[in-house]
Amino acid sequence: MTMLGIAKTDGRGGRLSCWLALTVAVAALPVMACHLDVTDPDIITPDNLQGASTLPTIRAAAFGDFALSYGGSGADGSSGTEGIIMMGGLLGDEFINSETFPTRIEIDRRATLVTNGTLTGWFRTISRARRSMEFAADRFRALSDTTTNTGLSEMLSLSGYTYLWFAENWCSGVPFSHANPDGSIVFGQPLTRQQMTDTAIARFTAALNAANALAASVGAAKVNFQNLARVGLARALLDRGGAGDFATAAATVGGVPTSFAYQVGYSETTTRENNGVFVANGNAKRYSVADSEGTNGIRYRSQGDIRDTVVRIGGTNTGFDAVTPQWDQLRFPDRKTSIPLATGAEARLIEAENALQLGDTANGGVFYQRLDSLRAHPPGYFFLNPAIPAPTSMPMLTTTDATTFGGAVNLLFRERALWMWLSAHRLGDLRRLARLPYNRPGESVFPTGAYFKGGSYGTDYNFPVPFEETNNPNFTQCLDRLP
């Protein structure tokens, strides 16, 4: 199992270690020589990050931004502190709003305005992570020996995930700008969903090539990141969904062991490093686990599946709004619990989906073999709460189960929703169901009808680009809001 470590920070992106080093140096000086004139002692600018010795610092800072964009932080209440897991889960069917912020209610109700301040904060957070990962990849490429250092492959893969999140969660037409070392901005052109997905594929492919080259040099046993690139690449191929993409995706992850898990680490050291899924739901009570949201949603609370165990404390607990029943997820039980990003379980689900595309859905076929392989030995990385030990096995699936849930497609996407619950997959899967080759009407997939806090659900399938991006002369508005 590979653990993504998060460096200690001061809450501003990996700078505490630099300040501590300065403090130690000052403490070692004679008492009469304590005067030290320093300008901006907590800031490291890109031009200062030139030697190979700076790579651990670059890596730690990039990880800090990536972890924040994925799982959020413990900074309750303000925008930008929830990661892609929470925001995608709110627009999809994993969470409902249990507090009073009108901006989050807009998102939950599928009616988000481009002026939504919470959305703007989220967009900045993921944009910052994207740029941090790309900067880190550039530095590893320039400063490290790529025949012995695994950092380049890892940074490229995580960069690929940021593009994938934009493709899966935002509208078509997201612009990608970047800042030069002198602070000037290079305004990017809007990319379609297809172009964002292809950009992610290019990053994952480069990451896999780097890992493969490294494996040829030092031996596969010393390379940790081939499987991270493989799972990310296969996921992006499913999103593209073109002719041959499902088969290529399945072949890509064929060698990924089910035991593989790349987890994003969180800690209690600082608020910024907290697991924000736990904080927003179980601590701040601004999000409550959904149950058949908008008639189409999965019954996360009432179906009694061990993969999405929830609790309502005392049976009467309410959210921050003092009205909405508060149901807490138990997969991540505290501020320091890690969150899986890429897993061998996802590899098996990708293989099952390819079998589905090939029509191999008879009992004993590859479709059920791959689904049942997970149920026969449930992966422990999905059961991180010590109070809920991983089951030794689960009932095997057959065509009878497919019939019960309305067909093999419904069964597959239900299994995906439960195994990969709260890992930023669900909104992308809902959108895929509304596109070829599944081509279901969007309102038969997304929450719809009367909204529980008043009014009706809107028609959003994704997030709009925030209004502030109109400062970019290349951008006007989303090219389209289609699934």
Protein backbone atom coordinates (compact mmCIF):
# COMPACT_ATOMS: atom_id res chain seq x y z
CA MET A 1 0.00 0.00 0.00
CA THR A 2 1.36 3.44 -0.93
CA MET A 3 0.70 6.35 1.43
CA LEU A 4 0.78 9.91 0.21
CA GLY A 5 2.40 11.89 3.02
CA ILE A 6 1.44 15.46 3.81
CA ALA A 7 4.19 17.69 5.13
CA LYS A 8 3.62 19.80 8.25
CA THR A 9 2.55 23.29 7.29
CA ASP A 10 1.59 26.52 8.95
CA GLY A 11 -1.77 26.44 7.17
CA ARG A 12 -0.46 28.32 4.17
CA GLY A 13 0.98 25.57 1.99
CA GLY A 14 4.06 23.81 3.29
CA ARG A 15 6.02 26.72 4.79
CA LEU A 16 6.33 25.72 8.43
CA SER A 17 9.47 23.66 7.86
CA CYS A 18 11.23 26.69 6.41
CA TRP A 19 10.23 28.88 9.37
CA LEU A 20 11.31 26.21 11.85
CA ALA A 21 14.67 25.91 10.17
CA LEU A 22 15.13 29.64 10.49
CA THR A 23 14.13 29.53 14.16
CA VAL A 24 16.69 26.84 14.91
CA ALA A 25 19.39 28.82 13.18
CA VAL A 26 18.60 31.89 15.22
CA ALA A 27 18.55 29.90 18.45
CA ALA A 28 22.08 28.69 17.77
CA LEU A 29 23.51 32.23 17.58
CA PRO A 30 25.17 33.95 20.56
CA VAL A 31 22.77 36.06 22.59
CA MET A 32 24.47 39.31 21.56
CA ALA A 33 24.07 38.41 17.86
CA CYS A 34 20.34 37.83 17.74
CA HIS A 35 19.46 40.60 15.28
CA LEU A 36 18.38 39.14 11.97
CA ASP A 37 16.92 41.21 9.16
CA VAL A 38 14.70 39.00 7.00
CA THR A 39 12.26 39.98 4.25
CA ASP A 40 9.18 37.75 3.94
CA PRO A 41 10.75 34.88 5.89
CA ASP A 42 7.83 32.53 5.26
CA ILE A 43 7.79 32.85 1.47
CA ILE A 44 9.77 30.69 -0.93
CA THR A 45 9.50 31.99 -4.49
CA PRO A 46 9.96 29.71 -7.52
CA ASP A 47 13.29 31.28 -8.44
CA ASN A 48 14.70 30.05 -5.12
CA LEU A 49 13.80 26.42 -5.84
CA GLN A 50 16.63 25.50 -8.17
CA GLY A 51 18.68 22.68 -6.65
CA ALA A 52 17.83 19.01 -6.30
CA SER A 53 17.81 19.50 -2.53
CA THR A 54 14.64 21.59 -2.91
CA LEU A 55 12.61 18.70 -4.36
CA PRO A 56 11.30 17.39 -1.01
CA THR A 57 10.02 20.88 -0.21
CA ILE A 58 8.40 21.20 -3.63
CA ARG A 59 6.82 17.77 -3.26
CA ALA A 60 5.47 18.53 0.21
CA ALA A 61 3.94 21.84 -0.86
CA ALA A 62 2.33 20.27 -3.93
CA PHE A 63 0.92 17.43 -1.81
CA GLY A 64 -0.57 19.95 0.60
CA ASP A 65 -2.44 21.66 -2.22
CA PHE A 66 -3.52 18.35 -3.74
CA ALA A 67 -4.83 16.94 -0.45
CA LEU A 68 -6.83 20.13 0.15
CA SER A 69 -8.38 19.94 -3.32
CA TYR A 70 -9.32 16.28 -2.82
CA GLY A 71 -10.62 15.90 0.74
CA GLY A 72 -10.76 19.50 1.95
CA SER A 73 -9.61 20.66 5.37
CA GLY A 74 -10.84 21.33 8.87
CA ALA A 75 -11.45 25.03 8.28
CA ASP A 76 -15.21 24.90 8.86
CA GLY A 77 -17.59 27.28 7.16
CA SER A 78 -15.52 29.31 4.70
CA SER A 79 -15.45 28.68 0.97
CA GLY A 80 -12.65 26.68 -0.57
CA THR A 81 -12.21 24.38 2.41
CA GLU A 82 -14.20 21.47 0.97
CA GLY A 83 -12.54 19.32 -1.63
CA ILE A 84 -13.84 17.70 -4.79
CA ILE A 85 -15.28 14.81 -2.75
CA MET A 86 -17.73 17.06 -0.93
CA MET A 87 -18.68 19.33 -3.80
CA GLY A 88 -19.23 16.47 -6.27
CA GLY A 89 -21.11 14.51 -3.65
CA LEU A 90 -23.41 17.46 -3.00
CA LEU A 91 -24.31 18.00 -6.66
CA GLY A 92 -24.67 14.25 -7.10
CA ASP A 93 -26.59 11.94 -4.77
CA GLU A 94 -24.09 11.23 -1.96
CA PHE A 95 -24.79 14.26 0.28
CA ILE A 96 -27.57 16.69 1.02
CA ASN A 97 -27.22 20.14 2.57
CA SER A 98 -27.80 20.24 6.33
CA GLU A 99 -26.86 23.86 7.05
CA THR A 100 -27.86 27.34 5.98
CA PHE A 101 -25.36 28.62 3.40
CA PRO A 102 -27.45 29.61 0.34
CA THR A 103 -24.46 28.97 -1.94
CA ARG A 104 -24.29 25.31 -0.93
CA ILE A 105 -28.07 24.98 -1.14
CA GLU A 106 -27.82 26.19 -4.77
CA ILE A 107 -25.35 23.41 -5.50
CA ASP A 108 -27.38 20.74 -3.73
CA ARG A 109 -30.49 21.89 -5.64
CA ARG A 110 -28.68 21.65 -8.98
CA ALA A 111 -29.12 25.38 -9.67
CA THR A 112 -25.66 26.93 -9.19
CA LEU A 113 -25.11 30.53 -10.31
CA VAL A 114 -21.80 31.65 -11.80
CA THR A 115 -21.55 34.20 -8.96
CA ASN A 116 -21.68 31.46 -6.30
CA GLY A 117 -18.88 32.33 -3.85
CA THR A 118 -18.47 28.78 -2.57
CA LEU A 119 -18.04 27.51 -6.12
CA THR A 120 -15.42 30.20 -6.76
CA GLY A 121 -13.43 29.05 -3.74
CA TRP A 122 -13.54 25.43 -4.89
CA PHE A 123 -12.46 26.39 -8.41
CA ARG A 124 -9.45 28.26 -7.02
CA THR A 125 -8.49 25.39 -4.73
CA ILE A 126 -8.39 22.83 -7.53
CA SER A 127 -6.73 25.29 -9.92
CA ARG A 128 -4.02 25.87 -7.32
CA ALA A 129 -3.51 22.13 -6.94
CA ARG A 130 -3.27 21.72 -10.70
CA ARG A 131 -0.62 24.38 -10.99
CA SER A 132 1.31 23.07 -7.97
CA MET A 133 1.47 19.57 -9.43
CA GLU A 134 2.57 20.85 -12.84
CA PHE A 135 5.26 23.03 -11.26
CA ALA A 136 6.44 20.07 -9.18
CA ALA A 137 6.56 17.81 -12.26
CA ASP A 138 8.62 20.43 -14.11
CA ARG A 139 11.06 20.71 -11.19
CA PHE A 140 11.48 16.93 -10.90
CA ARG A 141 12.05 16.72 -14.64
CA ALA A 142 14.67 19.47 -14.50
CA LEU A 143 16.42 18.74 -11.22
CA SER A 144 16.20 15.00 -10.52
CA ASP A 145 17.78 11.92 -12.03
CA THR A 146 14.67 10.40 -13.58
CA THR A 147 16.46 7.06 -13.86
CA THR A 148 16.48 6.73 -10.06
CA ASN A 149 13.82 9.14 -8.74
CA THR A 150 10.12 8.22 -8.70
CA GLY A 151 8.92 11.78 -8.12
CA LEU A 152 8.31 12.70 -11.76
CA SER A 153 5.85 9.86 -12.38
CA GLU A 154 3.96 10.60 -9.17
CA MET A 155 3.65 14.34 -9.85
CA LEU A 156 2.48 13.73 -13.42
CA SER A 157 -0.21 11.31 -12.22
CA LEU A 158 -1.52 13.72 -9.61
CA SER A 159 -1.52 16.47 -12.24
CA GLY A 160 -3.61 14.16 -14.39
CA TYR A 161 -6.13 13.76 -11.58
CA THR A 162 -6.66 17.52 -11.33
CA TYR A 163 -7.51 17.73 -15.04
CA LEU A 164 -9.75 14.69 -14.65
CA TRP A 165 -11.65 16.40 -11.82
CA PHE A 166 -12.30 19.42 -14.01
CA ALA A 167 -13.49 17.18 -16.85
CA GLU A 168 -15.76 15.13 -14.58
CA ASN A 169 -17.21 17.95 -12.49
CA TRP A 170 -17.24 21.14 -14.57
CA CYS A 171 -18.94 22.25 -17.74
CA SER A 172 -17.32 22.14 -21.14
CA GLY A 173 -15.14 25.20 -21.69
CA VAL A 174 -12.90 25.53 -18.61
CA PRO A 175 -9.94 27.88 -19.22
CA PHE A 176 -6.54 26.89 -17.78
CA SER A 177 -4.30 29.87 -17.08
CA HIS A 178 -0.95 29.95 -15.32
CA ALA A 179 1.35 32.46 -13.66
CA ASN A 180 4.89 33.18 -14.78
CA PRO A 181 7.69 33.39 -12.17
CA ASP A 182 7.48 37.20 -12.39
CA GLY A 183 3.80 37.10 -11.42
CA SER A 184 2.35 37.86 -14.85
CA ILE A 185 -0.61 35.77 -15.99
CA VAL A 186 -0.78 33.75 -19.18
CA PHE A 187 -4.49 33.44 -19.91
CA GLY A 188 -5.55 30.02 -21.11
CA GLN A 189 -8.00 29.00 -23.79
CA PRO A 190 -11.23 27.22 -22.79
CA LEU A 191 -11.02 23.44 -23.14
CA THR A 192 -13.95 21.19 -23.93
CA ARG A 193 -14.71 18.23 -21.69
CA GLN A 194 -13.10 16.01 -24.32
CA GLN A 195 -9.96 18.16 -24.39
CA MET A 196 -9.70 18.16 -20.58
CA THR A 197 -10.04 14.38 -20.58
CA ASP A 198 -7.40 14.06 -23.29
CA THR A 199 -5.09 16.32 -21.30
CA ALA A 200 -5.51 14.04 -18.29
CA ILE A 201 -4.80 11.02 -20.51
CA ALA A 202 -1.61 12.67 -21.73
CA ARG A 203 -0.46 13.30 -18.13
CA PHE A 204 -1.20 9.73 -17.03
CA THR A 205 0.49 8.32 -20.13
CA ALA A 206 3.60 10.39 -19.46
CA ALA A 207 3.53 9.26 -15.83
CA LEU A 208 3.31 5.61 -16.84
CA ASN A 209 6.11 6.02 -19.37
CA ALA A 210 8.31 7.60 -16.70
CA ALA A 211 7.53 4.82 -14.22
CA ASN A 212 8.15 2.12 -16.83
CA ALA A 213 11.49 3.64 -17.79
CA LEU A 214 12.45 3.80 -14.15
CA ALA A 215 11.42 0.18 -13.63
CA ALA A 216 13.64 -0.86 -16.53
CA SER A 217 16.52 0.99 -14.89
CA VAL A 218 16.24 0.03 -11.23
CA GLY A 219 13.78 -2.88 -11.22
CA ALA A 220 10.01 -2.91 -10.89
CA ALA A 221 10.20 -3.76 -7.19
CA LYS A 222 11.64 -0.29 -6.49
CA VAL A 223 8.99 1.62 -8.45
CA ASN A 224 5.86 2.61 -6.56
CA PHE A 225 3.82 4.61 -9.02
CA GLN A 226 3.12 2.50 -12.09
CA ASN A 227 -0.24 1.39 -10.71
CA LEU A 228 -1.24 4.93 -9.77
CA ALA A 229 -0.72 5.96 -13.41
CA ARG A 230 -2.50 2.87 -14.73
CA VAL A 231 -5.65 3.37 -12.68
CA GLY A 232 -5.79 7.08 -13.47
CA LEU A 233 -5.30 6.45 -17.18
CA ALA A 234 -8.01 3.78 -17.27
CA ARG A 235 -10.44 6.04 -15.43
CA ALA A 236 -9.84 8.80 -17.98
CA LEU A 237 -10.39 6.35 -20.83
CA LEU A 238 -13.77 5.39 -19.37
CA ASP A 239 -14.66 9.09 -19.21
CA ARG A 240 -13.74 9.47 -22.88
CA GLY A 241 -15.87 6.42 -23.70
CA GLY A 242 -14.97 6.15 -27.36
CA ALA A 243 -14.62 3.08 -29.55
CA GLY A 244 -12.01 0.83 -28.01
CA ASP A 245 -11.57 2.93 -24.86
CA PHE A 246 -13.24 0.40 -22.56
CA ALA A 247 -11.05 -2.44 -23.84
CA THR A 248 -7.93 -0.28 -23.59
CA ALA A 249 -8.88 0.76 -20.06
CA ALA A 250 -9.35 -2.87 -18.98
CA ALA A 251 -6.03 -3.88 -20.52
CA THR A 252 -4.29 -0.96 -18.82
CA VAL A 253 -5.29 -2.12 -15.32
CA GLY A 254 -5.05 -5.84 -15.98
CA GLY A 255 -1.85 -6.13 -13.94
CA VAL A 256 -2.93 -3.92 -11.04
CA PRO A 257 -3.36 -6.10 -7.94
CA THR A 258 -6.60 -5.76 -6.00
CA SER A 259 -4.51 -5.05 -2.90
CA PHE A 260 -3.13 -1.85 -4.43
CA ALA A 261 -4.24 1.43 -2.85
CA TYR A 262 -2.79 4.90 -3.21
CA GLN A 263 -4.16 6.90 -0.30
CA VAL A 264 -4.06 10.62 0.37
CA GLY A 265 -2.91 11.14 3.93
CA TYR A 266 -4.40 13.61 6.42
CA SER A 267 -3.39 14.49 9.96
CA GLU A 268 -4.38 16.41 13.07
CA THR A 269 -1.21 18.52 13.02
CA THR A 270 -2.90 21.60 11.55
CA THR A 271 -6.43 22.49 10.47
CA ARG A 272 -5.29 22.60 6.85
CA GLU A 273 -4.18 18.97 7.05
CA ASN A 274 -7.45 17.62 8.49
CA ASN A 275 -9.66 15.18 6.63
CA GLY A 276 -12.32 17.64 5.46
CA VAL A 277 -14.89 14.95 4.67
CA PHE A 278 -15.03 14.03 8.34
CA VAL A 279 -15.05 17.67 9.46
CA ALA A 280 -17.76 18.91 7.09
CA ASN A 281 -20.06 15.96 7.76
CA GLY A 282 -19.34 14.41 11.15
CA ASN A 283 -18.03 17.47 12.98
CA ALA A 284 -19.47 20.65 11.44
CA LYS A 285 -22.68 18.91 10.30
CA ARG A 286 -23.04 20.98 7.15
CA TYR A 287 -23.53 17.90 4.97
CA SER A 288 -25.74 14.90 5.71
CA VAL A 289 -25.55 11.53 3.93
CA ALA A 290 -28.35 11.29 1.36
CA ASP A 291 -30.91 8.54 0.90
CA SER A 292 -32.75 8.15 -2.43
CA GLU A 293 -32.16 11.84 -3.04
CA GLY A 294 -34.57 13.26 -5.60
CA THR A 295 -36.11 9.80 -6.17
CA ASN A 296 -33.20 8.68 -8.38
CA GLY A 297 -30.45 8.56 -5.76
CA ILE A 298 -29.02 5.46 -4.13
CA ARG A 299 -30.30 4.52 -0.66
CA TYR A 300 -27.00 5.18 1.10
CA ARG A 301 -28.63 5.26 4.54
CA SER A 302 -31.39 2.70 4.45
CA GLN A 303 -30.01 -0.18 2.39
CA GLY A 304 -27.84 -1.47 5.23
CA ASP A 305 -24.72 -2.13 3.13
CA ILE A 306 -21.51 -2.31 5.16
CA ARG A 307 -19.61 -0.35 2.51
CA ASP A 308 -21.49 2.88 3.29
CA THR A 309 -22.18 2.57 7.00
CA VAL A 310 -23.81 5.70 8.47
CA VAL A 311 -25.19 6.72 11.83
CA ARG A 312 -27.64 9.25 13.24
CA ILE A 313 -26.41 9.89 16.75
CA GLY A 314 -29.16 9.33 19.29
CA GLY A 315 -31.61 8.81 16.45
CA THR A 316 -32.58 12.49 16.68
CA ASN A 317 -29.46 14.41 15.66
CA THR A 318 -29.98 17.39 13.34
CA GLY A 319 -27.56 19.32 11.16
CA PHE A 320 -26.22 22.83 11.53
CA ASP A 321 -29.58 24.17 10.37
CA ALA A 322 -31.23 22.48 13.40
CA VAL A 323 -33.84 20.94 11.08
CA THR A 324 -32.35 18.47 8.61
CA PRO A 325 -31.80 14.96 10.03
CA GLN A 326 -28.05 14.56 10.42
CA TRP A 327 -26.60 11.29 9.16
CA ASP A 328 -22.84 10.89 9.47
CA GLN A 329 -20.61 8.71 7.29
CA LEU A 330 -18.39 6.32 9.22
CA ARG A 331 -15.87 5.42 6.52
CA PHE A 332 -13.55 8.23 7.67
CA PRO A 333 -13.92 8.35 11.46
CA ASP A 334 -11.63 11.27 12.35
CA ARG A 335 -9.49 14.17 11.13
CA LYS A 336 -6.46 12.02 10.38
CA THR A 337 -8.01 9.21 8.32
CA SER A 338 -6.54 8.75 4.85
CA ILE A 339 -8.73 8.71 1.74
CA PRO A 340 -8.15 6.24 -1.14
CA LEU A 341 -7.51 7.95 -4.48
CA ALA A 342 -6.72 5.02 -6.79
CA THR A 343 -7.25 1.37 -5.92
CA GLY A 344 -7.10 -2.17 -7.21
CA ALA A 345 -10.82 -2.37 -6.56
CA GLU A 346 -11.35 0.33 -9.19
CA ALA A 347 -9.23 -1.75 -11.57
CA ARG A 348 -11.56 -4.74 -11.12
CA LEU A 349 -14.63 -2.53 -11.64
CA ILE A 350 -13.11 -1.17 -14.85
CA GLU A 351 -12.57 -4.73 -16.09
CA ALA A 352 -16.18 -5.55 -15.19
CA GLU A 353 -17.40 -2.57 -17.20
CA ASN A 354 -15.47 -3.69 -20.25
CA ALA A 355 -17.07 -7.14 -19.90
CA LEU A 356 -20.45 -5.39 -19.73
CA GLN A 357 -19.69 -3.56 -22.96
CA LEU A 358 -18.79 -6.89 -24.58
CA GLY A 359 -22.06 -8.43 -23.42
CA ASP A 360 -20.29 -10.93 -21.16
CA THR A 361 -22.88 -10.79 -18.38
CA ALA A 362 -23.92 -14.42 -17.99
CA ASN A 363 -23.42 -16.17 -14.65
CA GLY A 364 -19.80 -17.30 -14.44
CA GLY A 365 -18.64 -14.74 -17.02
CA VAL A 366 -16.00 -12.05 -16.58
CA PHE A 367 -18.55 -9.42 -15.48
CA TYR A 368 -19.56 -11.38 -12.37
CA GLN A 369 -16.06 -12.78 -11.84
CA ARG A 370 -14.65 -9.28 -11.41
CA LEU A 371 -17.48 -8.03 -9.20
CA ASP A 372 -17.44 -11.15 -7.05
CA SER A 373 -13.66 -11.09 -6.65
CA LEU A 374 -14.09 -7.94 -4.56
CA ARG A 375 -16.94 -9.42 -2.57
CA ALA A 376 -15.05 -12.63 -1.87
CA HIS A 377 -12.19 -10.65 -0.29
CA PRO A 378 -13.37 -7.09 0.53
CA PRO A 379 -10.33 -4.77 0.37
CA GLY A 380 -9.36 -3.44 3.78
CA TYR A 381 -8.50 0.03 2.47
CA PHE A 382 -12.24 0.77 2.26
CA PHE A 383 -12.73 -0.12 5.92
CA LEU A 384 -10.57 2.41 7.75
CA ASN A 385 -12.80 2.74 10.80
CA PRO A 386 -11.50 0.36 13.51
CA ALA A 387 -15.04 0.10 14.85
CA ILE A 388 -16.18 -1.37 11.50
CA PRO A 389 -13.73 -4.15 10.58
CA ALA A 390 -13.63 -5.33 6.99
CA PRO A 391 -16.02 -8.25 6.40
CA THR A 392 -14.40 -11.55 5.57
CA SER A 393 -16.71 -11.89 2.57
CA MET A 394 -19.96 -10.64 1.06
CA PRO A 395 -22.71 -12.51 -0.84
CA MET A 396 -21.81 -13.29 -4.45
CA LEU A 397 -23.77 -11.65 -7.27
CA THR A 398 -25.72 -13.33 -10.07
CA THR A 399 -28.10 -12.37 -12.83
CA THR A 400 -30.86 -12.43 -10.21
CA ASP A 401 -29.25 -9.39 -8.55
CA ALA A 402 -29.04 -7.62 -11.89
CA THR A 403 -32.75 -8.17 -12.36
CA THR A 404 -33.46 -6.88 -8.85
CA PHE A 405 -31.64 -3.60 -9.55
CA GLY A 406 -33.01 -3.09 -13.04
CA GLY A 407 -30.31 -4.65 -15.20
CA ALA A 408 -26.56 -5.23 -15.36
CA VAL A 409 -25.79 -1.53 -15.96
CA ASN A 410 -27.63 -0.51 -12.79
CA LEU A 411 -25.88 -3.27 -10.85
CA LEU A 412 -22.43 -2.20 -12.03
CA PHE A 413 -22.92 1.49 -11.24
CA ARG A 414 -24.39 0.59 -7.86
CA GLU A 415 -21.31 -1.47 -7.07
CA ARG A 416 -19.09 1.38 -8.20
CA ALA A 417 -21.04 3.84 -6.03
CA LEU A 418 -20.66 1.68 -2.92
CA TRP A 419 -17.07 0.51 -3.28
CA MET A 420 -15.80 3.98 -4.25
CA TRP A 421 -18.16 5.92 -2.00
CA LEU A 422 -16.79 9.35 -1.04
CA SER A 423 -13.82 9.30 -3.39
CA ALA A 424 -14.94 11.81 -6.06
CA HIS A 425 -16.20 9.21 -8.54
CA ARG A 426 -19.97 9.45 -8.27
CA LEU A 427 -20.72 12.70 -10.14
CA GLY A 428 -18.54 11.57 -13.04
CA ASP A 429 -20.39 8.25 -13.11
CA LEU A 430 -23.80 9.95 -13.14
CA ARG A 431 -22.68 12.06 -16.07
CA ARG A 432 -21.36 8.99 -17.89
CA LEU A 433 -24.75 7.32 -17.55
CA ALA A 434 -26.27 10.30 -19.36
CA ARG A 435 -23.79 10.04 -22.26
CA LEU A 436 -22.99 7.38 -24.85
CA PRO A 437 -22.86 4.43 -24.70
CA TYR A 438 -25.50 4.46 -21.92
CA ASN A 439 -27.32 7.58 -23.13
CA ARG A 440 -29.92 7.79 -20.36
CA PRO A 441 -32.02 10.94 -19.95
CA GLY A 442 -30.26 13.15 -17.40
CA GLU A 443 -33.36 13.56 -15.26
CA SER A 444 -33.63 9.80 -14.91
CA VAL A 445 -30.14 9.74 -13.38
CA PHE A 446 -29.76 12.90 -11.28
CA PRO A 447 -31.86 13.97 -8.26
CA THR A 448 -35.05 15.56 -9.56
CA GLY A 449 -38.52 16.72 -8.53
CA ALA A 450 -39.35 18.59 -5.32
CA TYR A 451 -36.34 19.79 -3.31
CA PHE A 452 -36.61 19.06 0.41
CA LYS A 453 -35.76 22.65 1.44
CA GLY A 454 -38.33 24.18 -0.87
CA GLY A 455 -38.80 24.62 -4.59
CA SER A 456 -37.63 22.10 -7.16
CA TYR A 457 -34.33 20.69 -8.34
CA GLY A 458 -32.73 22.51 -11.24
CA THR A 459 -31.09 20.97 -14.28
CA ASP A 460 -27.37 21.19 -13.55
CA TYR A 461 -25.28 18.19 -14.53
CA ASN A 462 -22.01 19.92 -13.68
CA PHE A 463 -20.57 23.16 -12.27
CA PRO A 464 -20.36 26.42 -14.23
CA VAL A 465 -17.07 28.29 -14.49
CA PRO A 466 -17.09 31.10 -11.89
CA PHE A 467 -17.86 34.64 -13.05
CA GLU A 468 -14.40 35.90 -12.06
CA GLU A 469 -12.93 33.91 -14.96
CA THR A 470 -14.46 36.48 -17.32
CA ASN A 471 -11.33 38.50 -16.50
CA ASN A 472 -9.72 36.10 -18.95
CA PRO A 473 -10.16 37.72 -22.39
CA ASN A 474 -10.31 34.22 -23.92
CA PHE A 475 -13.31 33.17 -21.84
CA THR A 476 -16.96 34.25 -21.99
CA GLN A 477 -19.01 31.41 -20.54
CA CYS A 478 -19.34 27.64 -20.58
CA LEU A 479 -19.41 26.21 -24.09
CA ASP A 480 -22.20 23.91 -22.94
CA ARG A 481 -23.65 22.40 -19.72
CA LEU A 482 -24.32 18.96 -21.18
CA PRO A 483 -23.53 15.83 -19.15
